[in-house]
PDB file of N, CA and C in Angstrom:
ATOM      1  N   UNK A   1       0.744  -1.377   0.038  1.00  0.00           N
ATOM      2  CA  UNK A   1       0.032  -0.127   0.143  1.00  0.00           C
ATOM      3  C   UNK A   1       0.911   1.252   0.024  1.00  0.00           C
ATOM      4  N   UNK A   2       0.471   2.187  -0.723  1.00  0.00           N
ATOM      5  CA  UNK A   2       1.321   3.351  -0.913  1.00  0.00           C
ATOM      6  C   UNK A   2       0.175   4.643  -0.620  1.00  0.00           C
ATOM      7  N   UNK A   3       0.947   5.696  -0.326  1.00  0.00           N
ATOM      8  CA  UNK A   3      -0.015   7.017  -0.246  1.00  0.00           C
ATOM      9  C   UNK A   3       0.088   7.527  -1.688  1.00  0.00           C
ATOM     10  N   UNK A   4      -1.207   8.256  -1.937  1.00  0.00           N
ATOM     11  CA  UNK A   4      -1.489   8.479  -3.181  1.00  0.00           C
ATOM     12  C   UNK A   4      -0.214   9.072  -3.946  1.00  0.00           C
ATOM     13  N   UNK A   5       0.587  10.208  -3.362  1.00  0.00           N
ATOM     14  CA  UNK A   5       1.732  10.974  -3.883  1.00  0.00           C
ATOM     15  C   UNK A   5       3.139   9.934  -3.855  1.00  0.00           C
ATOM     16  N   UNK A   6       2.998   8.664  -3.820  1.00  0.00           N
ATOM     17  CA  UNK A   6       4.190   7.929  -3.545  1.00  0.00           C
ATOM     18  C   UNK A   6       4.736   7.856  -4.961  1.00  0.00           C
ATOM     19  N   UNK A   7       6.003   7.887  -5.348  1.00  0.00           N
ATOM     20  CA  UNK A   7       6.685   7.506  -6.476  1.00  0.00           C
ATOM     21  C   UNK A   7       6.864   5.990  -6.687  1.00  0.00           C
ATOM     22  N   UNK A   8       6.845   5.173  -5.723  1.00  0.00           N
ATOM     23  CA  UNK A   8       6.700   3.881  -6.095  1.00  0.00           C
ATOM     24  C   UNK A   8       5.445   3.238  -6.258  1.00  0.00           C
ATOM     25  N   UNK A   9       4.421   3.878  -6.547  1.00  0.00           N
ATOM     26  CA  UNK A   9       3.146   3.277  -6.885  1.00  0.00           C
ATOM     27  C   UNK A   9       3.059   2.578  -8.415  1.00  0.00           C
ATOM     28  N   UNK A  10       3.996   3.107  -9.197  1.00  0.00           N
ATOM     29  CA  UNK A  10       4.002   2.788 -10.502  1.00  0.00           C
ATOM     30  C   UNK A  10       2.590   3.131 -11.322  1.00  0.00           C
ATOM     31  N   UNK A  11       2.201   2.456 -12.208  1.00  0.00           N
ATOM     32  CA  UNK A  11       1.072   2.614 -13.009  1.00  0.00           C
ATOM     33  C   UNK A  11      -0.134   2.050 -12.471  1.00  0.00           C
ATOM     34  N   UNK A  12      -0.982   2.909 -12.617  1.00  0.00           N
ATOM     35  CA  UNK A  12      -2.339   2.250 -12.037  1.00  0.00           C
ATOM     36  C   UNK A  12      -2.468   2.294 -10.638  1.00  0.00           C
ATOM     37  N   UNK A  13      -3.510   1.422  -9.942  1.00  0.00           N
ATOM     38  CA  UNK A  13      -3.727   1.438  -8.645  1.00  0.00           C
ATOM     39  C   UNK A  13      -5.044   2.135  -8.509  1.00  0.00           C
ATOM     40  N   UNK A  14      -5.757   1.731  -7.236  1.00  0.00           N
ATOM     41  CA  UNK A  14      -6.649   1.974  -6.601  1.00  0.00           C
ATOM     42  C   UNK A  14      -6.680   3.045  -5.598  1.00  0.00           C
ATOM     43  N   UNK A  15      -7.511   4.210  -5.603  1.00  0.00           N
ATOM     44  CA  UNK A  15      -7.674   4.942  -4.449  1.00  0.00           C
ATOM     45  C   UNK A  15      -8.489   4.538  -3.433  1.00  0.00           C
ATOM     46  N   UNK A  16      -8.156   4.209  -2.162  1.00  0.00           N
ATOM     47  CA  UNK A  16      -8.946   3.477  -1.258  1.00  0.00           C
ATOM     48  C   UNK A  16      -9.543   4.459  -0.090  1.00  0.00           C
ATOM     49  N   UNK A  17     -10.431   4.464   0.446  1.00  0.00           N
ATOM     50  CA  UNK A  17     -10.839   5.280   1.784  1.00  0.00           C
ATOM     51  C   UNK A  17      -9.917   4.836   2.751  1.00  0.00           C
ATOM     52  N   UNK A  18      -9.789   5.416   4.111  1.00  0.00           N
ATOM     53  CA  UNK A  18      -9.092   4.786   5.212  1.00  0.00           C
ATOM     54  C   UNK A  18      -9.566   3.350   6.013  1.00  0.00           C
ATOM     55  N   UNK A  19     -10.762   3.103   5.852  1.00  0.00           N
ATOM     56  CA  UNK A  19     -11.295   1.762   6.361  1.00  0.00           C
ATOM     57  C   UNK A  19     -10.751   0.766   5.191  1.00  0.00           C
ATOM     58  N   UNK A  20     -11.268   1.169   3.810  1.00  0.00           N
ATOM     59  CA  UNK A  20     -10.855   0.157   2.733  1.00  0.00           C
ATOM     60  C   UNK A  20      -9.218  -0.187   2.877  1.00  0.00           C
ATOM     61  N   UNK A  21      -8.306   0.894   3.330  1.00  0.00           N
ATOM     62  CA  UNK A  21      -7.022   0.740   3.282  1.00  0.00           C
ATOM     63  C   UNK A  21      -6.744  -0.058   4.384  1.00  0.00           C
ATOM     64  N   UNK A  22      -7.102  -0.114   5.304  1.00  0.00           N
ATOM     65  CA  UNK A  22      -6.876  -0.726   6.610  1.00  0.00           C
ATOM     66  C   UNK A  22      -7.395  -2.383   6.300  1.00  0.00           C
ATOM     67  N   UNK A  23      -8.504  -2.390   5.730  1.00  0.00           N
ATOM     68  CA  UNK A  23      -9.016  -3.822   5.235  1.00  0.00           C
ATOM     69  C   UNK A  23      -7.955  -4.551   4.465  1.00  0.00           C
ATOM     70  N   UNK A  24      -7.668  -3.695   3.648  1.00  0.00           N
ATOM     71  CA  UNK A  24      -6.748  -4.181   2.522  1.00  0.00           C
ATOM     72  C   UNK A  24      -5.305  -4.430   3.168  1.00  0.00           C
ATOM     73  N   UNK A  25      -4.921  -3.801   4.037  1.00  0.00           N
ATOM     74  CA  UNK A  25      -3.764  -3.876   4.823  1.00  0.00           C
ATOM     75  C   UNK A  25      -3.672  -5.225   5.688  1.00  0.00           C
ATOM     76  N   UNK A  26      -4.776  -5.519   6.131  1.00  0.00           N
ATOM     77  CA  UNK A  26      -4.908  -6.767   6.922  1.00  0.00           C
ATOM     78  C   UNK A  26      -4.999  -8.100   6.065  1.00  0.00           C
ATOM     79  N   UNK A  27      -5.015  -7.982   4.859  1.00  0.00           N
ATOM     80  CA  UNK A  27      -4.834  -9.309   4.113  1.00  0.00           C
ATOM     81  C   UNK A  27      -3.396  -9.697   4.184  1.00  0.00           C
ATOM     82  N   UNK A  28      -3.489 -11.347   3.820  1.00  0.00           N
ATOM     83  CA  UNK A  28      -2.086 -11.896   4.420  1.00  0.00           C
ATOM     84  C   UNK A  28      -1.131 -11.339   2.897  1.00  0.00           C
ATOM     85  N   UNK A  29      -0.154 -11.067   3.497  1.00  0.00           N
ATOM     86  CA  UNK A  29       0.844 -10.494   2.357  1.00  0.00           C
ATOM     87  C   UNK A  29       0.626  -9.317   2.055  1.00  0.00           C
ATOM     88  N   UNK A  30       0.021  -8.353   2.484  1.00  0.00           N
ATOM     89  CA  UNK A  30      -0.055  -6.994   2.425  1.00  0.00           C
ATOM     90  C   UNK A  30       0.829  -6.220   3.118  1.00  0.00           C
ATOM     91  N   UNK A  31       1.554  -5.074   2.649  1.00  0.00           N
ATOM     92  CA  UNK A  31       2.329  -4.529   3.226  1.00  0.00           C
ATOM     93  C   UNK A  31       2.248  -3.045   3.163  1.00  0.00           C
ATOM     94  N   UNK A  32       2.729  -2.253   4.250  1.00  0.00           N
ATOM     95  CA  UNK A  32       2.575  -0.528   3.836  1.00  0.00           C
ATOM     96  C   UNK A  32       4.018   0.016   3.805  1.00  0.00           C
ATOM     97  N   UNK A  33       4.100   0.864   2.477  1.00  0.00           N
ATOM     98  CA  UNK A  33       5.217   1.248   1.857  1.00  0.00           C
ATOM     99  C   UNK A  33       5.763   2.248   3.213  1.00  0.00           C
ATOM    100  N   UNK A  34       7.201   2.090   3.394  1.00  0.00           N
ATOM    101  CA  UNK A  34       7.968   2.622   4.498  1.00  0.00           C
ATOM    102  C   UNK A  34       8.370   3.852   3.737  1.00  0.00           C
ATOM    103  N   UNK A  35       8.387   4.123   2.362  1.00  0.00           N
ATOM    104  CA  UNK A  35       8.872   5.353   1.752  1.00  0.00           C
ATOM    105  C   UNK A  35       7.948   6.480   1.687  1.00  0.00           C
ATOM    106  N   UNK A  36       6.620   6.101   1.835  1.00  0.00           N
ATOM    107  CA  UNK A  36       5.861   7.364   1.906  1.00  0.00           C
ATOM    108  C   UNK A  36       5.143   7.231   3.196  1.00  0.00           C
ATOM    109  N   UNK A  37       3.833   8.034   3.412  1.00  0.00           N
ATOM    110  CA  UNK A  37       3.327   8.045   4.646  1.00  0.00           C
ATOM    111  C   UNK A  37       2.463   6.889   4.856  1.00  0.00           C
ATOM    112  N   UNK A  38       2.113   5.933   4.058  1.00  0.00           N
ATOM    113  CA  UNK A  38       1.352   4.793   4.150  1.00  0.00           C
ATOM    114  C   UNK A  38       1.673   4.108   5.673  1.00  0.00           C
ATOM    115  N   UNK A  39       2.706   3.623   5.858  1.00  0.00           N
ATOM    116  CA  UNK A  39       3.229   3.033   6.895  1.00  0.00           C
ATOM    117  C   UNK A  39       3.099   3.777   8.241  1.00  0.00           C
ATOM    118  N   UNK A  40       3.296   4.951   8.229  1.00  0.00           N
ATOM    119  CA  UNK A  40       3.339   6.000   9.146  1.00  0.00           C
ATOM    120  C   UNK A  40       1.831   6.075   9.594  1.00  0.00           C
ATOM    121  N   UNK A  41       1.027   5.928   9.079  1.00  0.00           N
ATOM    122  CA  UNK A  41      -0.367   6.590   9.011  1.00  0.00           C
ATOM    123  C   UNK A  41      -1.157   5.137   9.486  1.00  0.00           C
ATOM    124  N   UNK A  42      -1.212   4.161   8.624  1.00  0.00           N
ATOM    125  CA  UNK A  42      -1.950   2.727   8.632  1.00  0.00           C
ATOM    126  C   UNK A  42      -1.340   1.774   9.775  1.00  0.00           C
ATOM    127  N   UNK A  43       0.118   1.579   9.968  1.00  0.00           N
ATOM    128  CA  UNK A  43       0.085   0.686  10.962  1.00  0.00           C
ATOM    129  C   UNK A  43      -0.188   1.148  12.252  1.00  0.00           C
ATOM    130  N   UNK A  44       0.028   2.286  12.859  1.00  0.00           N
ATOM    131  CA  UNK A  44      -0.376   2.717  14.216  1.00  0.00           C
ATOM    132  C   UNK A  44      -2.039   2.613  14.291  1.00  0.00           C
ATOM    133  N   UNK A  45      -3.124   2.783  13.196  1.00  0.00           N
ATOM    134  CA  UNK A  45      -4.020   2.684  13.370  1.00  0.00           C
ATOM    135  C   UNK A  45      -4.584   1.183  13.381  1.00  0.00           C
ATOM    136  N   UNK A  46      -3.720   0.305  12.679  1.00  0.00           N
ATOM    137  CA  UNK A  46      -4.236  -1.066  13.047  1.00  0.00           C
ATOM    138  C   UNK A  46      -3.981  -1.701  14.331  1.00  0.00           C
ATOM    139  N   UNK A  47      -2.893  -0.914  14.967  1.00  0.00           N
ATOM    140  CA  UNK A  47      -2.300  -1.525  16.206  1.00  0.00           C
ATOM    141  C   UNK A  47      -3.570  -0.925  17.418  1.00  0.00           C
ATOM    142  N   UNK A  48      -4.337   0.272  16.971  1.00  0.00           N
ATOM    143  CA  UNK A  48      -5.302   0.672  17.952  1.00  0.00           C
ATOM    144  C   UNK A  48      -6.383  -0.373  18.154  1.00  0.00           C
ATOM    145  N   UNK A  49      -6.621  -1.016  17.010  1.00  0.00           N
ATOM    146  CA  UNK A  49      -7.792  -2.223  17.027  1.00  0.00           C
ATOM    147  C   UNK A  49      -7.483  -3.354  17.493  1.00  0.00           C
ATOM    148  N   UNK A  50      -6.261  -3.754  17.753  1.00  0.00           N
ATOM    149  CA  UNK A  50      -5.796  -4.975  18.285  1.00  0.00           C
ATOM    150  C   UNK A  50      -6.492  -5.462  19.488  1.00  0.00           C
ATOM    151  N   UNK A  51      -7.085  -4.662  20.372  1.00  0.00           N
ATOM    152  CA  UNK A  51      -7.672  -4.937  21.692  1.00  0.00           C
ATOM    153  C   UNK A  51      -9.199  -4.970  21.507  1.00  0.00           C
ATOM    154  N   UNK A  52      -9.829  -4.922  20.306  1.00  0.00           N
ATOM    155  CA  UNK A  52     -11.023  -4.892  19.981  1.00  0.00           C
ATOM    156  C   UNK A  52     -11.513  -6.189  19.343  1.00  0.00           C
ATOM    157  N   UNK A  53     -12.628  -6.852  19.757  1.00  0.00           N
ATOM    158  CA  UNK A  53     -13.151  -7.957  19.049  1.00  0.00           C
ATOM    159  C   UNK A  53     -14.193  -7.783  18.210  1.00  0.00           C
TER     160      UNK A  53
END
């Protein structure tokens, strides 16, 4: 997953809302880019939900 302005996105891609991005990041093998803000924003958001079932 990349921030919309990340130069590593390549061609194409789909814009996602925050909840869609978090859902996609929870899929096996999904990773947030550390070269843009994706990891900085999304990883802490996922960690907030770990105590909720």
